[in-house]
Amino acid sequence: MIGLRWWIMIWYGIGALGLVGLIMAINWGRQTAWRNADEVLRGIGTIAVSGGMLLLLYQVEGGAGYSLLLGALIAFVLAFIVGREHEREAAHKTEEARKTDDG
């Protein structure tokens, strides 16, 4: 594969960014009673996709790379669902506050 070393470095960098993001999301989650579960799931998904791609680039046999990619997909979908639920709750609270102020 052309540029294999570059792709490996890129995926290590993405994994490092995911790890930093996960650590920050956990720290933020502890402060906000875990209302940012979507951010934690995004960090997990980023680390999983990076690990899966690295395993594929290193040509590790056994399906571990594909399993990590599937896990990353599940984490990103869950993050989207959880994030949408938080948006709905925030919009509902805003609407209730608006009704209370008007009434």
N, C-alpha and C. Protein backbone atom coordinates (compact mmCIF):
# COMPACT_ATOMS: atom_id res chain seq x y z
N MET A 1 0.85 -1.18 0.00
CA MET A 1 0.00 0.00 0.00
C MET A 1 0.89 1.24 0.00
N ILE A 2 0.55 2.16 -0.86
CA ILE A 2 1.32 3.39 -0.96
C ILE A 2 1.00 4.26 0.25
N GLY A 3 2.03 4.75 0.90
CA GLY A 3 1.84 5.65 2.03
C GLY A 3 1.38 4.96 3.30
N LEU A 4 1.68 3.66 3.45
CA LEU A 4 1.23 2.90 4.61
C LEU A 4 1.71 3.54 5.91
N ARG A 5 2.94 3.96 5.95
CA ARG A 5 3.47 4.59 7.17
C ARG A 5 2.71 5.87 7.51
N TRP A 6 2.35 6.65 6.49
CA TRP A 6 1.61 7.88 6.73
C TRP A 6 0.23 7.57 7.29
N TRP A 7 -0.45 6.58 6.72
CA TRP A 7 -1.76 6.21 7.22
C TRP A 7 -1.70 5.72 8.67
N ILE A 8 -0.65 4.97 8.97
CA ILE A 8 -0.48 4.49 10.34
C ILE A 8 -0.28 5.66 11.29
N MET A 9 0.55 6.62 10.90
CA MET A 9 0.76 7.80 11.75
C MET A 9 -0.54 8.61 11.91
N ILE A 10 -1.28 8.74 10.82
CA ILE A 10 -2.55 9.48 10.88
C ILE A 10 -3.51 8.82 11.85
N TRP A 11 -3.64 7.49 11.78
CA TRP A 11 -4.58 6.80 12.67
C TRP A 11 -4.11 6.80 14.11
N TYR A 12 -2.80 6.79 14.34
CA TYR A 12 -2.31 6.96 15.72
C TYR A 12 -2.68 8.36 16.24
N GLY A 13 -2.56 9.36 15.37
CA GLY A 13 -2.93 10.72 15.77
C GLY A 13 -4.41 10.84 16.08
N ILE A 14 -5.24 10.22 15.24
CA ILE A 14 -6.69 10.25 15.49
C ILE A 14 -7.00 9.53 16.81
N GLY A 15 -6.33 8.43 17.06
CA GLY A 15 -6.52 7.71 18.32
C GLY A 15 -6.11 8.55 19.52
N ALA A 16 -5.02 9.27 19.38
CA ALA A 16 -4.57 10.15 20.48
C ALA A 16 -5.58 11.26 20.73
N LEU A 17 -6.11 11.85 19.65
CA LEU A 17 -7.14 12.87 19.80
C LEU A 17 -8.39 12.30 20.47
N GLY A 18 -8.75 11.08 20.09
CA GLY A 18 -9.90 10.43 20.72
C GLY A 18 -9.68 10.18 22.19
N LEU A 19 -8.46 9.79 22.55
CA LEU A 19 -8.15 9.56 23.96
C LEU A 19 -8.22 10.85 24.77
N VAL A 20 -7.67 11.91 24.22
CA VAL A 20 -7.76 13.22 24.89
C VAL A 20 -9.21 13.65 25.02
N GLY A 21 -9.99 13.48 23.95
CA GLY A 21 -11.40 13.83 23.99
C GLY A 21 -12.16 13.02 25.01
N LEU A 22 -11.86 11.73 25.11
CA LEU A 22 -12.53 10.88 26.09
C LEU A 22 -12.19 11.30 27.51
N ILE A 23 -10.93 11.60 27.76
CA ILE A 23 -10.53 12.04 29.10
C ILE A 23 -11.24 13.34 29.47
N MET A 24 -11.29 14.28 28.52
CA MET A 24 -11.97 15.55 28.79
C MET A 24 -13.47 15.33 28.99
N ALA A 25 -14.07 14.44 28.20
CA ALA A 25 -15.51 14.17 28.33
C ALA A 25 -15.82 13.52 29.68
N ILE A 26 -14.95 12.64 30.14
CA ILE A 26 -15.15 12.02 31.45
C ILE A 26 -15.04 13.07 32.54
N ASN A 27 -14.05 13.94 32.43
CA ASN A 27 -13.90 15.02 33.42
C ASN A 27 -15.13 15.93 33.42
N TRP A 28 -15.59 16.29 32.25
CA TRP A 28 -16.77 17.15 32.13
C TRP A 28 -18.02 16.42 32.63
N GLY A 29 -18.10 15.13 32.34
CA GLY A 29 -19.24 14.34 32.78
C GLY A 29 -19.34 14.26 34.30
N ARG A 30 -18.22 14.16 34.95
CA ARG A 30 -18.23 14.13 36.42
C ARG A 30 -18.76 15.44 36.98
N GLN A 31 -18.52 16.53 36.29
CA GLN A 31 -18.95 17.85 36.76
C GLN A 31 -20.41 18.14 36.42
N THR A 32 -20.96 17.48 35.40
CA THR A 32 -22.32 17.80 34.94
C THR A 32 -23.29 16.66 35.14
N ALA A 33 -23.01 15.77 36.06
CA ALA A 33 -23.88 14.63 36.35
C ALA A 33 -24.12 13.77 35.11
N TRP A 34 -23.12 13.63 34.26
CA TRP A 34 -23.11 12.75 33.09
C TRP A 34 -24.19 13.11 32.08
N ARG A 35 -24.46 14.40 31.94
CA ARG A 35 -25.38 14.84 30.90
C ARG A 35 -24.71 14.88 29.53
N ASN A 36 -23.45 14.53 29.47
CA ASN A 36 -22.72 14.54 28.20
C ASN A 36 -22.34 13.13 27.76
N ALA A 37 -23.22 12.18 27.98
CA ALA A 37 -22.92 10.79 27.61
C ALA A 37 -22.61 10.66 26.13
N ASP A 38 -23.19 11.52 25.30
CA ASP A 38 -22.90 11.47 23.87
C ASP A 38 -21.43 11.78 23.58
N GLU A 39 -20.85 12.71 24.33
CA GLU A 39 -19.44 13.04 24.13
C GLU A 39 -18.54 11.87 24.55
N VAL A 40 -18.90 11.19 25.61
CA VAL A 40 -18.14 10.02 26.05
C VAL A 40 -18.22 8.93 24.98
N LEU A 41 -19.41 8.71 24.44
CA LEU A 41 -19.56 7.70 23.39
C LEU A 41 -18.78 8.07 22.13
N ARG A 42 -18.73 9.36 21.80
CA ARG A 42 -17.94 9.78 20.64
C ARG A 42 -16.45 9.51 20.86
N GLY A 43 -15.97 9.76 22.08
CA GLY A 43 -14.57 9.46 22.38
C GLY A 43 -14.27 7.98 22.27
N ILE A 44 -15.17 7.16 22.79
CA ILE A 44 -15.01 5.70 22.69
C ILE A 44 -15.02 5.27 21.23
N GLY A 45 -15.94 5.83 20.46
CA GLY A 45 -16.02 5.49 19.04
C GLY A 45 -14.78 5.89 18.27
N THR A 46 -14.23 7.04 18.58
CA THR A 46 -13.02 7.51 17.89
C THR A 46 -11.84 6.60 18.20
N ILE A 47 -11.70 6.20 19.46
CA ILE A 47 -10.61 5.30 19.83
C ILE A 47 -10.80 3.94 19.17
N ALA A 48 -12.04 3.46 19.14
CA ALA A 48 -12.32 2.15 18.54
C ALA A 48 -12.06 2.15 17.04
N VAL A 49 -12.49 3.19 16.33
CA VAL A 49 -12.26 3.23 14.89
C VAL A 49 -10.76 3.35 14.60
N SER A 50 -10.05 4.10 15.41
CA SER A 50 -8.60 4.22 15.22
C SER A 50 -7.92 2.87 15.44
N GLY A 51 -8.29 2.21 16.51
CA GLY A 51 -7.71 0.89 16.78
C GLY A 51 -8.05 -0.12 15.70
N GLY A 52 -9.30 -0.10 15.22
CA GLY A 52 -9.68 -1.01 14.16
C GLY A 52 -8.91 -0.76 12.88
N MET A 53 -8.76 0.49 12.51
CA MET A 53 -8.01 0.81 11.30
C MET A 53 -6.53 0.43 11.43
N LEU A 54 -5.98 0.66 12.61
CA LEU A 54 -4.58 0.28 12.82
C LEU A 54 -4.40 -1.23 12.71
N LEU A 55 -5.34 -1.99 13.28
CA LEU A 55 -5.25 -3.45 13.15
C LEU A 55 -5.36 -3.89 11.70
N LEU A 56 -6.23 -3.23 10.93
CA LEU A 56 -6.33 -3.56 9.51
C LEU A 56 -5.07 -3.17 8.75
N LEU A 57 -4.51 -2.01 9.07
CA LEU A 57 -3.28 -1.58 8.40
C LEU A 57 -2.10 -2.48 8.72
N TYR A 58 -2.06 -2.98 9.95
CA TYR A 58 -0.99 -3.92 10.34
C TYR A 58 -1.30 -5.34 9.90
N GLN A 59 -2.44 -5.55 9.27
CA GLN A 59 -2.88 -6.84 8.73
C GLN A 59 -2.94 -7.92 9.81
N VAL A 60 -3.52 -7.56 10.96
CA VAL A 60 -3.70 -8.51 12.05
C VAL A 60 -4.89 -9.40 11.68
N GLU A 61 -4.70 -10.70 11.76
CA GLU A 61 -5.76 -11.65 11.41
C GLU A 61 -6.70 -11.87 12.59
N GLY A 62 -7.87 -12.41 12.30
CA GLY A 62 -8.78 -12.80 13.36
C GLY A 62 -10.02 -11.94 13.48
N GLY A 63 -10.14 -10.91 12.70
CA GLY A 63 -11.36 -10.11 12.73
C GLY A 63 -11.44 -9.08 13.83
N ALA A 64 -10.37 -8.88 14.58
CA ALA A 64 -10.39 -7.90 15.66
C ALA A 64 -10.58 -6.49 15.12
N GLY A 65 -9.96 -6.18 13.99
CA GLY A 65 -10.10 -4.85 13.40
C GLY A 65 -11.53 -4.56 13.00
N TYR A 66 -12.16 -5.55 12.35
CA TYR A 66 -13.56 -5.36 11.94
C TYR A 66 -14.48 -5.28 13.15
N SER A 67 -14.17 -6.03 14.20
CA SER A 67 -14.98 -5.96 15.42
C SER A 67 -14.90 -4.57 16.05
N LEU A 68 -13.70 -3.99 16.07
CA LEU A 68 -13.56 -2.63 16.61
C LEU A 68 -14.28 -1.61 15.74
N LEU A 69 -14.25 -1.79 14.43
CA LEU A 69 -14.97 -0.88 13.55
C LEU A 69 -16.49 -0.98 13.77
N LEU A 70 -16.97 -2.20 13.98
CA LEU A 70 -18.39 -2.37 14.27
C LEU A 70 -18.75 -1.73 15.61
N GLY A 71 -17.88 -1.93 16.61
CA GLY A 71 -18.10 -1.29 17.91
C GLY A 71 -18.10 0.23 17.81
N ALA A 72 -17.22 0.76 16.97
CA ALA A 72 -17.18 2.21 16.77
C ALA A 72 -18.47 2.71 16.12
N LEU A 73 -18.97 1.97 15.14
CA LEU A 73 -20.22 2.34 14.50
C LEU A 73 -21.36 2.37 15.52
N ILE A 74 -21.42 1.35 16.36
CA ILE A 74 -22.46 1.29 17.39
C ILE A 74 -22.32 2.47 18.36
N ALA A 75 -21.08 2.78 18.76
CA ALA A 75 -20.87 3.90 19.69
C ALA A 75 -21.30 5.22 19.06
N PHE A 76 -21.00 5.43 17.78
CA PHE A 76 -21.39 6.69 17.12
C PHE A 76 -22.91 6.79 16.96
N VAL A 77 -23.56 5.69 16.63
CA VAL A 77 -25.02 5.70 16.51
C VAL A 77 -25.65 5.98 17.87
N LEU A 78 -25.15 5.34 18.92
CA LEU A 78 -25.67 5.60 20.27
C LEU A 78 -25.43 7.05 20.68
N ALA A 79 -24.27 7.59 20.33
CA ALA A 79 -23.98 8.99 20.66
C ALA A 79 -24.98 9.91 19.96
N PHE A 80 -25.33 9.60 18.72
CA PHE A 80 -26.31 10.40 18.00
C PHE A 80 -27.67 10.33 18.68
N ILE A 81 -28.08 9.13 19.08
CA ILE A 81 -29.38 8.95 19.73
C ILE A 81 -29.42 9.67 21.07
N VAL A 82 -28.38 9.49 21.88
CA VAL A 82 -28.34 10.14 23.19
C VAL A 82 -28.30 11.65 23.05
N GLY A 83 -27.55 12.15 22.09
CA GLY A 83 -27.47 13.60 21.86
C GLY A 83 -28.81 14.18 21.44
N ARG A 84 -29.55 13.46 20.61
CA ARG A 84 -30.88 13.92 20.19
C ARG A 84 -31.83 13.97 21.38
N GLU A 85 -31.73 12.99 22.28
CA GLU A 85 -32.60 12.98 23.46
C GLU A 85 -32.32 14.20 24.34
N HIS A 86 -31.05 14.54 24.49
CA HIS A 86 -30.69 15.71 25.30
C HIS A 86 -31.20 17.00 24.64
N GLU A 87 -31.14 17.07 23.31
CA GLU A 87 -31.67 18.24 22.60
C GLU A 87 -33.17 18.38 22.84
N ARG A 88 -33.89 17.27 22.78
CA ARG A 88 -35.33 17.31 23.01
C ARG A 88 -35.65 17.76 24.42
N GLU A 89 -34.91 17.23 25.40
CA GLU A 89 -35.14 17.63 26.79
C GLU A 89 -34.88 19.12 26.98
N ALA A 90 -33.81 19.62 26.39
CA ALA A 90 -33.48 21.05 26.51
C ALA A 90 -34.55 21.91 25.84
N ALA A 91 -35.02 21.48 24.68
CA ALA A 91 -36.06 22.24 23.98
C ALA A 91 -37.37 22.23 24.79
N HIS A 92 -37.68 21.10 25.38
CA HIS A 92 -38.90 20.99 26.19
C HIS A 92 -38.81 21.90 27.42
N LYS A 93 -37.65 21.93 28.07
CA LYS A 93 -37.46 22.80 29.24
C LYS A 93 -37.56 24.26 28.85
N THR A 94 -37.00 24.61 27.69
CA THR A 94 -37.07 25.99 27.22
C THR A 94 -38.52 26.38 26.93
N GLU A 95 -39.26 25.47 26.31
CA GLU A 95 -40.68 25.74 26.02
C GLU A 95 -41.48 25.90 27.30
N GLU A 96 -41.23 25.06 28.30
CA GLU A 96 -41.93 25.18 29.59
C GLU A 96 -41.60 26.51 30.27
N ALA A 97 -40.32 26.89 30.22
CA ALA A 97 -39.92 28.17 30.84
C ALA A 97 -40.58 29.34 30.12
N ARG A 98 -40.70 29.26 28.81
CA ARG A 98 -41.32 30.32 28.04
C ARG A 98 -42.81 30.43 28.41
N LYS A 99 -43.48 29.28 28.56
CA LYS A 99 -44.89 29.29 28.94
C LYS A 99 -45.08 29.85 30.35
N THR A 100 -44.16 29.51 31.26
CA THR A 100 -44.23 30.00 32.62
C THR A 100 -44.04 31.51 32.68
N ASP A 101 -43.10 32.01 31.87
CA ASP A 101 -42.83 33.45 31.84
C ASP A 101 -44.02 34.22 31.25
N ASP A 102 -44.66 33.65 30.25
CA ASP A 102 -45.80 34.31 29.58
C ASP A 102 -47.06 34.26 30.42
N GLY A 103 -47.23 33.18 31.18
CA GLY A 103 -48.49 32.95 31.84
C GLY A 103 -48.69 33.56 33.13
